[in-house]
PDB file of N, CA and C in Angstrom:
ATOM      1  N   UNK A   1       0.819  -1.187   0.000  1.00  0.00           N
ATOM      2  CA  UNK A   1       0.000   0.000   0.000  1.00  0.00           C
ATOM      3  C   UNK A   1       0.864   1.253   0.000  1.00  0.00           C
ATOM      4  N   UNK A   2       2.044   1.163   0.556  1.00  0.00           N
ATOM      5  CA  UNK A   2       2.917   2.331   0.604  1.00  0.00           C
ATOM      6  C   UNK A   2       3.273   2.831  -0.794  1.00  0.00           C
ATOM      7  N   UNK A   3       3.546   1.905  -1.711  1.00  0.00           N
ATOM      8  CA  UNK A   3       3.909   2.311  -3.070  1.00  0.00           C
ATOM      9  C   UNK A   3       2.736   3.030  -3.743  1.00  0.00           C
ATOM     10  N   UNK A   4       1.525   2.516  -3.558  1.00  0.00           N
ATOM     11  CA  UNK A   4       0.345   3.162  -4.138  1.00  0.00           C
ATOM     12  C   UNK A   4       0.154   4.544  -3.529  1.00  0.00           C
ATOM     13  N   UNK A   5       0.304   4.655  -2.227  1.00  0.00           N
ATOM     14  CA  UNK A   5       0.174   5.941  -1.541  1.00  0.00           C
ATOM     15  C   UNK A   5       1.236   6.927  -2.027  1.00  0.00           C
ATOM     16  N   UNK A   6       2.474   6.447  -2.179  1.00  0.00           N
ATOM     17  CA  UNK A   6       3.556   7.313  -2.664  1.00  0.00           C
ATOM     18  C   UNK A   6       3.247   7.856  -4.056  1.00  0.00           C
ATOM     19  N   UNK A   7       2.784   6.971  -4.942  1.00  0.00           N
ATOM     20  CA  UNK A   7       2.478   7.394  -6.306  1.00  0.00           C
ATOM     21  C   UNK A   7       1.340   8.414  -6.313  1.00  0.00           C
ATOM     22  N   UNK A   8       0.274   8.119  -5.569  1.00  0.00           N
ATOM     23  CA  UNK A   8      -0.861   9.050  -5.556  1.00  0.00           C
ATOM     24  C   UNK A   8      -0.517  10.364  -4.871  1.00  0.00           C
ATOM     25  N   UNK A   9       0.279  10.326  -3.827  1.00  0.00           N
ATOM     26  CA  UNK A   9       0.656  11.554  -3.127  1.00  0.00           C
ATOM     27  C   UNK A   9       1.498  12.468  -4.002  1.00  0.00           C
ATOM     28  N   UNK A  10       2.327  11.872  -4.851  1.00  0.00           N
ATOM     29  CA  UNK A  10       3.262  12.657  -5.657  1.00  0.00           C
ATOM     30  C   UNK A  10       2.825  12.892  -7.092  1.00  0.00           C
ATOM     31  N   UNK A  11       1.932  12.053  -7.602  1.00  0.00           N
ATOM     32  CA  UNK A  11       1.560  12.158  -9.017  1.00  0.00           C
ATOM     33  C   UNK A  11       0.062  12.064  -9.245  1.00  0.00           C
ATOM     34  N   UNK A  12      -0.737  12.432  -8.248  1.00  0.00           N
ATOM     35  CA  UNK A  12      -2.192  12.336  -8.393  1.00  0.00           C
ATOM     36  C   UNK A  12      -2.724  13.144  -9.570  1.00  0.00           C
ATOM     37  N   UNK A  13      -2.009  14.170  -9.962  1.00  0.00           N
ATOM     38  CA  UNK A  13      -2.456  15.027 -11.057  1.00  0.00           C
ATOM     39  C   UNK A  13      -2.303  14.385 -12.437  1.00  0.00           C
ATOM     40  N   UNK A  14      -1.598  13.242 -12.533  1.00  0.00           N
ATOM     41  CA  UNK A  14      -1.442  12.571 -13.826  1.00  0.00           C
ATOM     42  C   UNK A  14      -1.962  11.133 -13.818  1.00  0.00           C
ATOM     43  N   UNK A  15      -2.336  10.612 -12.652  1.00  0.00           N
ATOM     44  CA  UNK A  15      -2.831   9.233 -12.563  1.00  0.00           C
ATOM     45  C   UNK A  15      -4.341   9.236 -12.776  1.00  0.00           C
ATOM     46  N   UNK A  16      -4.795   8.544 -13.812  1.00  0.00           N
ATOM     47  CA  UNK A  16      -6.225   8.475 -14.074  1.00  0.00           C
ATOM     48  C   UNK A  16      -6.854   7.229 -13.472  1.00  0.00           C
ATOM     49  N   UNK A  17      -6.032   6.226 -13.190  1.00  0.00           N
ATOM     50  CA  UNK A  17      -6.550   4.983 -12.622  1.00  0.00           C
ATOM     51  C   UNK A  17      -5.429   4.256 -11.893  1.00  0.00           C
ATOM     52  N   UNK A  18      -5.766   3.674 -10.741  1.00  0.00           N
ATOM     53  CA  UNK A  18      -4.818   2.862  -9.986  1.00  0.00           C
ATOM     54  C   UNK A  18      -5.601   1.680  -9.442  1.00  0.00           C
ATOM     55  N   UNK A  19      -5.133   0.479  -9.737  1.00  0.00           N
ATOM     56  CA  UNK A  19      -5.837  -0.728  -9.321  1.00  0.00           C
ATOM     57  C   UNK A  19      -4.918  -1.574  -8.461  1.00  0.00           C
ATOM     58  N   UNK A  20      -5.413  -1.972  -7.294  1.00  0.00           N
ATOM     59  CA  UNK A  20      -4.704  -2.912  -6.434  1.00  0.00           C
ATOM     60  C   UNK A  20      -5.372  -4.271  -6.579  1.00  0.00           C
ATOM     61  N   UNK A  21      -4.582  -5.299  -6.878  1.00  0.00           N
ATOM     62  CA  UNK A  21      -5.117  -6.635  -7.053  1.00  0.00           C
ATOM     63  C   UNK A  21      -4.495  -7.545  -6.002  1.00  0.00           C
ATOM     64  N   UNK A  22      -5.280  -7.975  -5.027  1.00  0.00           N
ATOM     65  CA  UNK A  22      -4.752  -8.857  -3.993  1.00  0.00           C
ATOM     66  C   UNK A  22      -4.303 -10.191  -4.601  1.00  0.00           C
ATOM     67  N   UNK A  23      -3.215 -10.720  -4.067  1.00  0.00           N
ATOM     68  CA  UNK A  23      -2.696 -12.001  -4.541  1.00  0.00           C
ATOM     69  C   UNK A  23      -2.058 -12.732  -3.367  1.00  0.00           C
ATOM     70  N   UNK A  24      -1.782 -13.983  -3.563  1.00  0.00           N
ATOM     71  CA  UNK A  24      -1.120 -14.773  -2.531  1.00  0.00           C
ATOM     72  C   UNK A  24       0.311 -15.071  -2.967  1.00  0.00           C
ATOM     73  N   UNK A  25       1.101 -15.554  -2.041  1.00  0.00           N
ATOM     74  CA  UNK A  25       2.459 -15.965  -2.372  1.00  0.00           C
ATOM     75  C   UNK A  25       3.458 -14.832  -2.455  1.00  0.00           C
ATOM     76  N   UNK A  26       3.142 -13.674  -1.898  1.00  0.00           N
ATOM     77  CA  UNK A  26       4.104 -12.582  -1.881  1.00  0.00           C
ATOM     78  C   UNK A  26       4.305 -11.884  -3.209  1.00  0.00           C
ATOM     79  N   UNK A  27       3.343 -11.986  -4.105  1.00  0.00           N
ATOM     80  CA  UNK A  27       3.453 -11.336  -5.409  1.00  0.00           C
ATOM     81  C   UNK A  27       3.268  -9.834  -5.230  1.00  0.00           C
ATOM     82  N   UNK A  28       4.171  -9.061  -5.807  1.00  0.00           N
ATOM     83  CA  UNK A  28       4.060  -7.603  -5.794  1.00  0.00           C
ATOM     84  C   UNK A  28       4.629  -7.094  -7.099  1.00  0.00           C
ATOM     85  N   UNK A  29       3.759  -6.612  -7.965  1.00  0.00           N
ATOM     86  CA  UNK A  29       4.182  -6.086  -9.253  1.00  0.00           C
ATOM     87  C   UNK A  29       3.536  -4.738  -9.480  1.00  0.00           C
ATOM     88  N   UNK A  30       4.276  -3.846 -10.111  1.00  0.00           N
ATOM     89  CA  UNK A  30       3.756  -2.528 -10.458  1.00  0.00           C
ATOM     90  C   UNK A  30       3.833  -2.405 -11.973  1.00  0.00           C
ATOM     91  N   UNK A  31       2.669  -2.169 -12.576  1.00  0.00           N
ATOM     92  CA  UNK A  31       2.565  -2.079 -14.029  1.00  0.00           C
ATOM     93  C   UNK A  31       2.027  -0.701 -14.386  1.00  0.00           C
ATOM     94  N   UNK A  32       2.711  -0.024 -15.303  1.00  0.00           N
ATOM     95  CA  UNK A  32       2.286   1.293 -15.780  1.00  0.00           C
ATOM     96  C   UNK A  32       2.135   1.202 -17.293  1.00  0.00           C
ATOM     97  N   UNK A  33       0.937   1.503 -17.778  1.00  0.00           N
ATOM     98  CA  UNK A  33       0.671   1.450 -19.226  1.00  0.00           C
ATOM     99  C   UNK A  33       1.169   0.149 -19.848  1.00  0.00           C
ATOM    100  N   UNK A  34       0.833  -0.968 -19.225  1.00  0.00           N
ATOM    101  CA  UNK A  34       1.172  -2.322 -19.691  1.00  0.00           C
ATOM    102  C   UNK A  34       2.659  -2.670 -19.596  1.00  0.00           C
ATOM    103  N   UNK A  35       3.464  -1.847 -18.972  1.00  0.00           N
ATOM    104  CA  UNK A  35       4.886  -2.142 -18.783  1.00  0.00           C
ATOM    105  C   UNK A  35       5.155  -2.379 -17.294  1.00  0.00           C
ATOM    106  N   UNK A  36       5.757  -3.514 -16.968  1.00  0.00           N
ATOM    107  CA  UNK A  36       6.088  -3.812 -15.579  1.00  0.00           C
ATOM    108  C   UNK A  36       7.318  -3.000 -15.184  1.00  0.00           C
ATOM    109  N   UNK A  37       7.162  -2.147 -14.163  1.00  0.00           N
ATOM    110  CA  UNK A  37       8.304  -1.340 -13.721  1.00  0.00           C
ATOM    111  C   UNK A  37       8.943  -1.900 -12.456  1.00  0.00           C
ATOM    112  N   UNK A  38       8.212  -2.776 -11.733  1.00  0.00           N
ATOM    113  CA  UNK A  38       8.805  -3.460 -10.583  1.00  0.00           C
ATOM    114  C   UNK A  38       8.116  -4.802 -10.416  1.00  0.00           C
ATOM    115  N   UNK A  39       8.908  -5.853 -10.194  1.00  0.00           N
ATOM    116  CA  UNK A  39       8.373  -7.184  -9.941  1.00  0.00           C
ATOM    117  C   UNK A  39       9.183  -7.847  -8.837  1.00  0.00           C
ATOM    118  N   UNK A  40       8.546  -8.032  -7.689  1.00  0.00           N
ATOM    119  CA  UNK A  40       9.203  -8.722  -6.576  1.00  0.00           C
ATOM    120  C   UNK A  40       9.566 -10.144  -6.987  1.00  0.00           C
ATOM    121  N   UNK A  41       8.693 -10.791  -7.733  1.00  0.00           N
ATOM    122  CA  UNK A  41       8.944 -12.160  -8.172  1.00  0.00           C
ATOM    123  C   UNK A  41      10.183 -12.241  -9.060  1.00  0.00           C
ATOM    124  N   UNK A  42      10.298 -11.333 -10.011  1.00  0.00           N
ATOM    125  CA  UNK A  42      11.459 -11.346 -10.914  1.00  0.00           C
ATOM    126  C   UNK A  42      12.760 -11.009 -10.206  1.00  0.00           C
ATOM    127  N   UNK A  43      12.703 -10.029  -9.300  1.00  0.00           N
ATOM    128  CA  UNK A  43      13.912  -9.578  -8.607  1.00  0.00           C
ATOM    129  C   UNK A  43      14.236 -10.410  -7.376  1.00  0.00           C
ATOM    130  N   UNK A  44      13.234 -11.104  -6.828  1.00  0.00           N
ATOM    131  CA  UNK A  44      13.453 -11.925  -5.644  1.00  0.00           C
ATOM    132  C   UNK A  44      13.658 -11.115  -4.380  1.00  0.00           C
ATOM    133  N   UNK A  45      13.101  -9.911  -4.353  1.00  0.00           N
ATOM    134  CA  UNK A  45      13.269  -9.046  -3.177  1.00  0.00           C
ATOM    135  C   UNK A  45      12.141  -8.026  -3.111  1.00  0.00           C
ATOM    136  N   UNK A  46      11.983  -7.446  -1.915  1.00  0.00           N
ATOM    137  CA  UNK A  46      11.032  -6.355  -1.737  1.00  0.00           C
ATOM    138  C   UNK A  46      11.606  -5.074  -2.346  1.00  0.00           C
ATOM    139  N   UNK A  47      10.755  -4.136  -2.644  1.00  0.00           N
ATOM    140  CA  UNK A  47      11.203  -2.833  -3.140  1.00  0.00           C
ATOM    141  C   UNK A  47      11.881  -2.057  -2.018  1.00  0.00           C
ATOM    142  N   UNK A  48      12.917  -1.353  -2.345  1.00  0.00           N
ATOM    143  CA  UNK A  48      13.581  -0.463  -1.389  1.00  0.00           C
ATOM    144  C   UNK A  48      12.711   0.783  -1.189  1.00  0.00           C
ATOM    145  N   UNK A  49      12.906   1.499  -0.078  1.00  0.00           N
ATOM    146  CA  UNK A  49      12.126   2.733   0.133  1.00  0.00           C
ATOM    147  C   UNK A  49      12.243   3.678  -1.070  1.00  0.00           C
ATOM    148  N   UNK A  50      11.119   4.163  -1.537  1.00  0.00           N
ATOM    149  CA  UNK A  50      11.017   5.097  -2.669  1.00  0.00           C
ATOM    150  C   UNK A  50      11.399   4.500  -4.018  1.00  0.00           C
ATOM    151  N   UNK A  51      11.756   3.228  -4.076  1.00  0.00           N
ATOM    152  CA  UNK A  51      12.172   2.626  -5.352  1.00  0.00           C
ATOM    153  C   UNK A  51      11.050   2.642  -6.379  1.00  0.00           C
ATOM    154  N   UNK A  52       9.850   2.243  -5.981  1.00  0.00           N
ATOM    155  CA  UNK A  52       8.726   2.210  -6.919  1.00  0.00           C
ATOM    156  C   UNK A  52       8.366   3.624  -7.368  1.00  0.00           C
ATOM    157  N   UNK A  53       8.372   4.566  -6.432  1.00  0.00           N
ATOM    158  CA  UNK A  53       8.091   5.958  -6.782  1.00  0.00           C
ATOM    159  C   UNK A  53       9.109   6.490  -7.782  1.00  0.00           C
ATOM    160  N   UNK A  54      10.373   6.203  -7.568  1.00  0.00           N
ATOM    161  CA  UNK A  54      11.417   6.649  -8.495  1.00  0.00           C
ATOM    162  C   UNK A  54      11.263   5.994  -9.872  1.00  0.00           C
ATOM    163  N   UNK A  55      10.931   4.711  -9.894  1.00  0.00           N
ATOM    164  CA  UNK A  55      10.723   4.017 -11.169  1.00  0.00           C
ATOM    165  C   UNK A  55       9.512   4.588 -11.905  1.00  0.00           C
ATOM    166  N   UNK A  56       8.458   4.918 -11.142  1.00  0.00           N
ATOM    167  CA  UNK A  56       7.274   5.536 -11.746  1.00  0.00           C
ATOM    168  C   UNK A  56       7.640   6.892 -12.341  1.00  0.00           C
ATOM    169  N   UNK A  57       8.392   7.684 -11.599  1.00  0.00           N
ATOM    170  CA  UNK A  57       8.805   9.008 -12.080  1.00  0.00           C
ATOM    171  C   UNK A  57       9.633   8.887 -13.358  1.00  0.00           C
ATOM    172  N   UNK A  58      10.510   7.889 -13.430  1.00  0.00           N
ATOM    173  CA  UNK A  58      11.289   7.657 -14.655  1.00  0.00           C
ATOM    174  C   UNK A  58      10.366   7.312 -15.818  1.00  0.00           C
ATOM    175  N   UNK A  59       9.353   6.500 -15.532  1.00  0.00           N
ATOM    176  CA  UNK A  59       8.431   6.047 -16.574  1.00  0.00           C
ATOM    177  C   UNK A  59       7.623   7.206 -17.163  1.00  0.00           C
ATOM    178  N   UNK A  60       7.161   8.109 -16.311  1.00  0.00           N
ATOM    179  CA  UNK A  60       6.325   9.210 -16.812  1.00  0.00           C
ATOM    180  C   UNK A  60       7.150  10.357 -17.378  1.00  0.00           C
ATOM    181  N   UNK A  61       8.425  10.385 -17.057  1.00  0.00           N
ATOM    182  CA  UNK A  61       9.308  11.400 -17.630  1.00  0.00           C
ATOM    183  C   UNK A  61       9.729  12.458 -16.642  1.00  0.00           C
ATOM    184  N   UNK A  62      10.933  12.921 -16.805  1.00  0.00           N
ATOM    185  CA  UNK A  62      11.524  13.914 -15.895  1.00  0.00           C
ATOM    186  C   UNK A  62      10.815  15.262 -15.963  1.00  0.00           C
ATOM    187  N   UNK A  63      10.129  15.516 -17.069  1.00  0.00           N
ATOM    188  CA  UNK A  63       9.467  16.813 -17.222  1.00  0.00           C
ATOM    189  C   UNK A  63       8.144  16.889 -16.468  1.00  0.00           C
ATOM    190  N   UNK A  64       7.686  15.775 -15.874  1.00  0.00           N
ATOM    191  CA  UNK A  64       6.441  15.760 -15.101  1.00  0.00           C
ATOM    192  C   UNK A  64       6.796  16.031 -13.632  1.00  0.00           C
ATOM    193  N   UNK A  65       6.380  17.178 -13.138  1.00  0.00           N
ATOM    194  CA  UNK A  65       6.663  17.535 -11.753  1.00  0.00           C
ATOM    195  C   UNK A  65       5.806  16.724 -10.795  1.00  0.00           C
ATOM    196  N   UNK A  66       6.347  16.524  -9.596  1.00  0.00           N
ATOM    197  CA  UNK A  66       5.566  15.882  -8.550  1.00  0.00           C
ATOM    198  C   UNK A  66       4.513  16.865  -8.063  1.00  0.00           C
ATOM    199  N   UNK A  67       3.384  16.348  -7.574  1.00  0.00           N
ATOM    200  CA  UNK A  67       2.270  17.169  -7.116  1.00  0.00           C
ATOM    201  C   UNK A  67       2.741  18.179  -6.091  1.00  0.00           C
ATOM    202  N   UNK A  68       2.354  19.410  -6.272  1.00  0.00           N
ATOM    203  CA  UNK A  68       2.718  20.476  -5.349  1.00  0.00           C
ATOM    204  C   UNK A  68       4.028  21.167  -5.666  1.00  0.00           C
ATOM    205  N   UNK A  69       4.759  20.673  -6.669  1.00  0.00           N
ATOM    206  CA  UNK A  69       6.034  21.305  -7.043  1.00  0.00           C
ATOM    207  C   UNK A  69       5.878  22.170  -8.267  1.00  0.00           C
TER     208      UNK A  69
END
C-alpha cells in the first residue's frame, strides 16, 4: 500500500486509474501502461524505500513535476 500511496501523493495530477489486485504468495508487481516497472517475483526481493516511486517518475518522464512542485 505504501507504493500506491507514494504514487498518488506525488503524481495524483497525472494518474487516471490505480488498481490494487490482492494475490497470494508474496506477489508484488507494479505495471504502468502495460509495462512492468517493478516485480518482486522477478527480482526476488522487496522494493527499497522510494524505489517504486522513483521508477514511476522515470516512466512518466523527468518533465512531469511531482504534485505540489
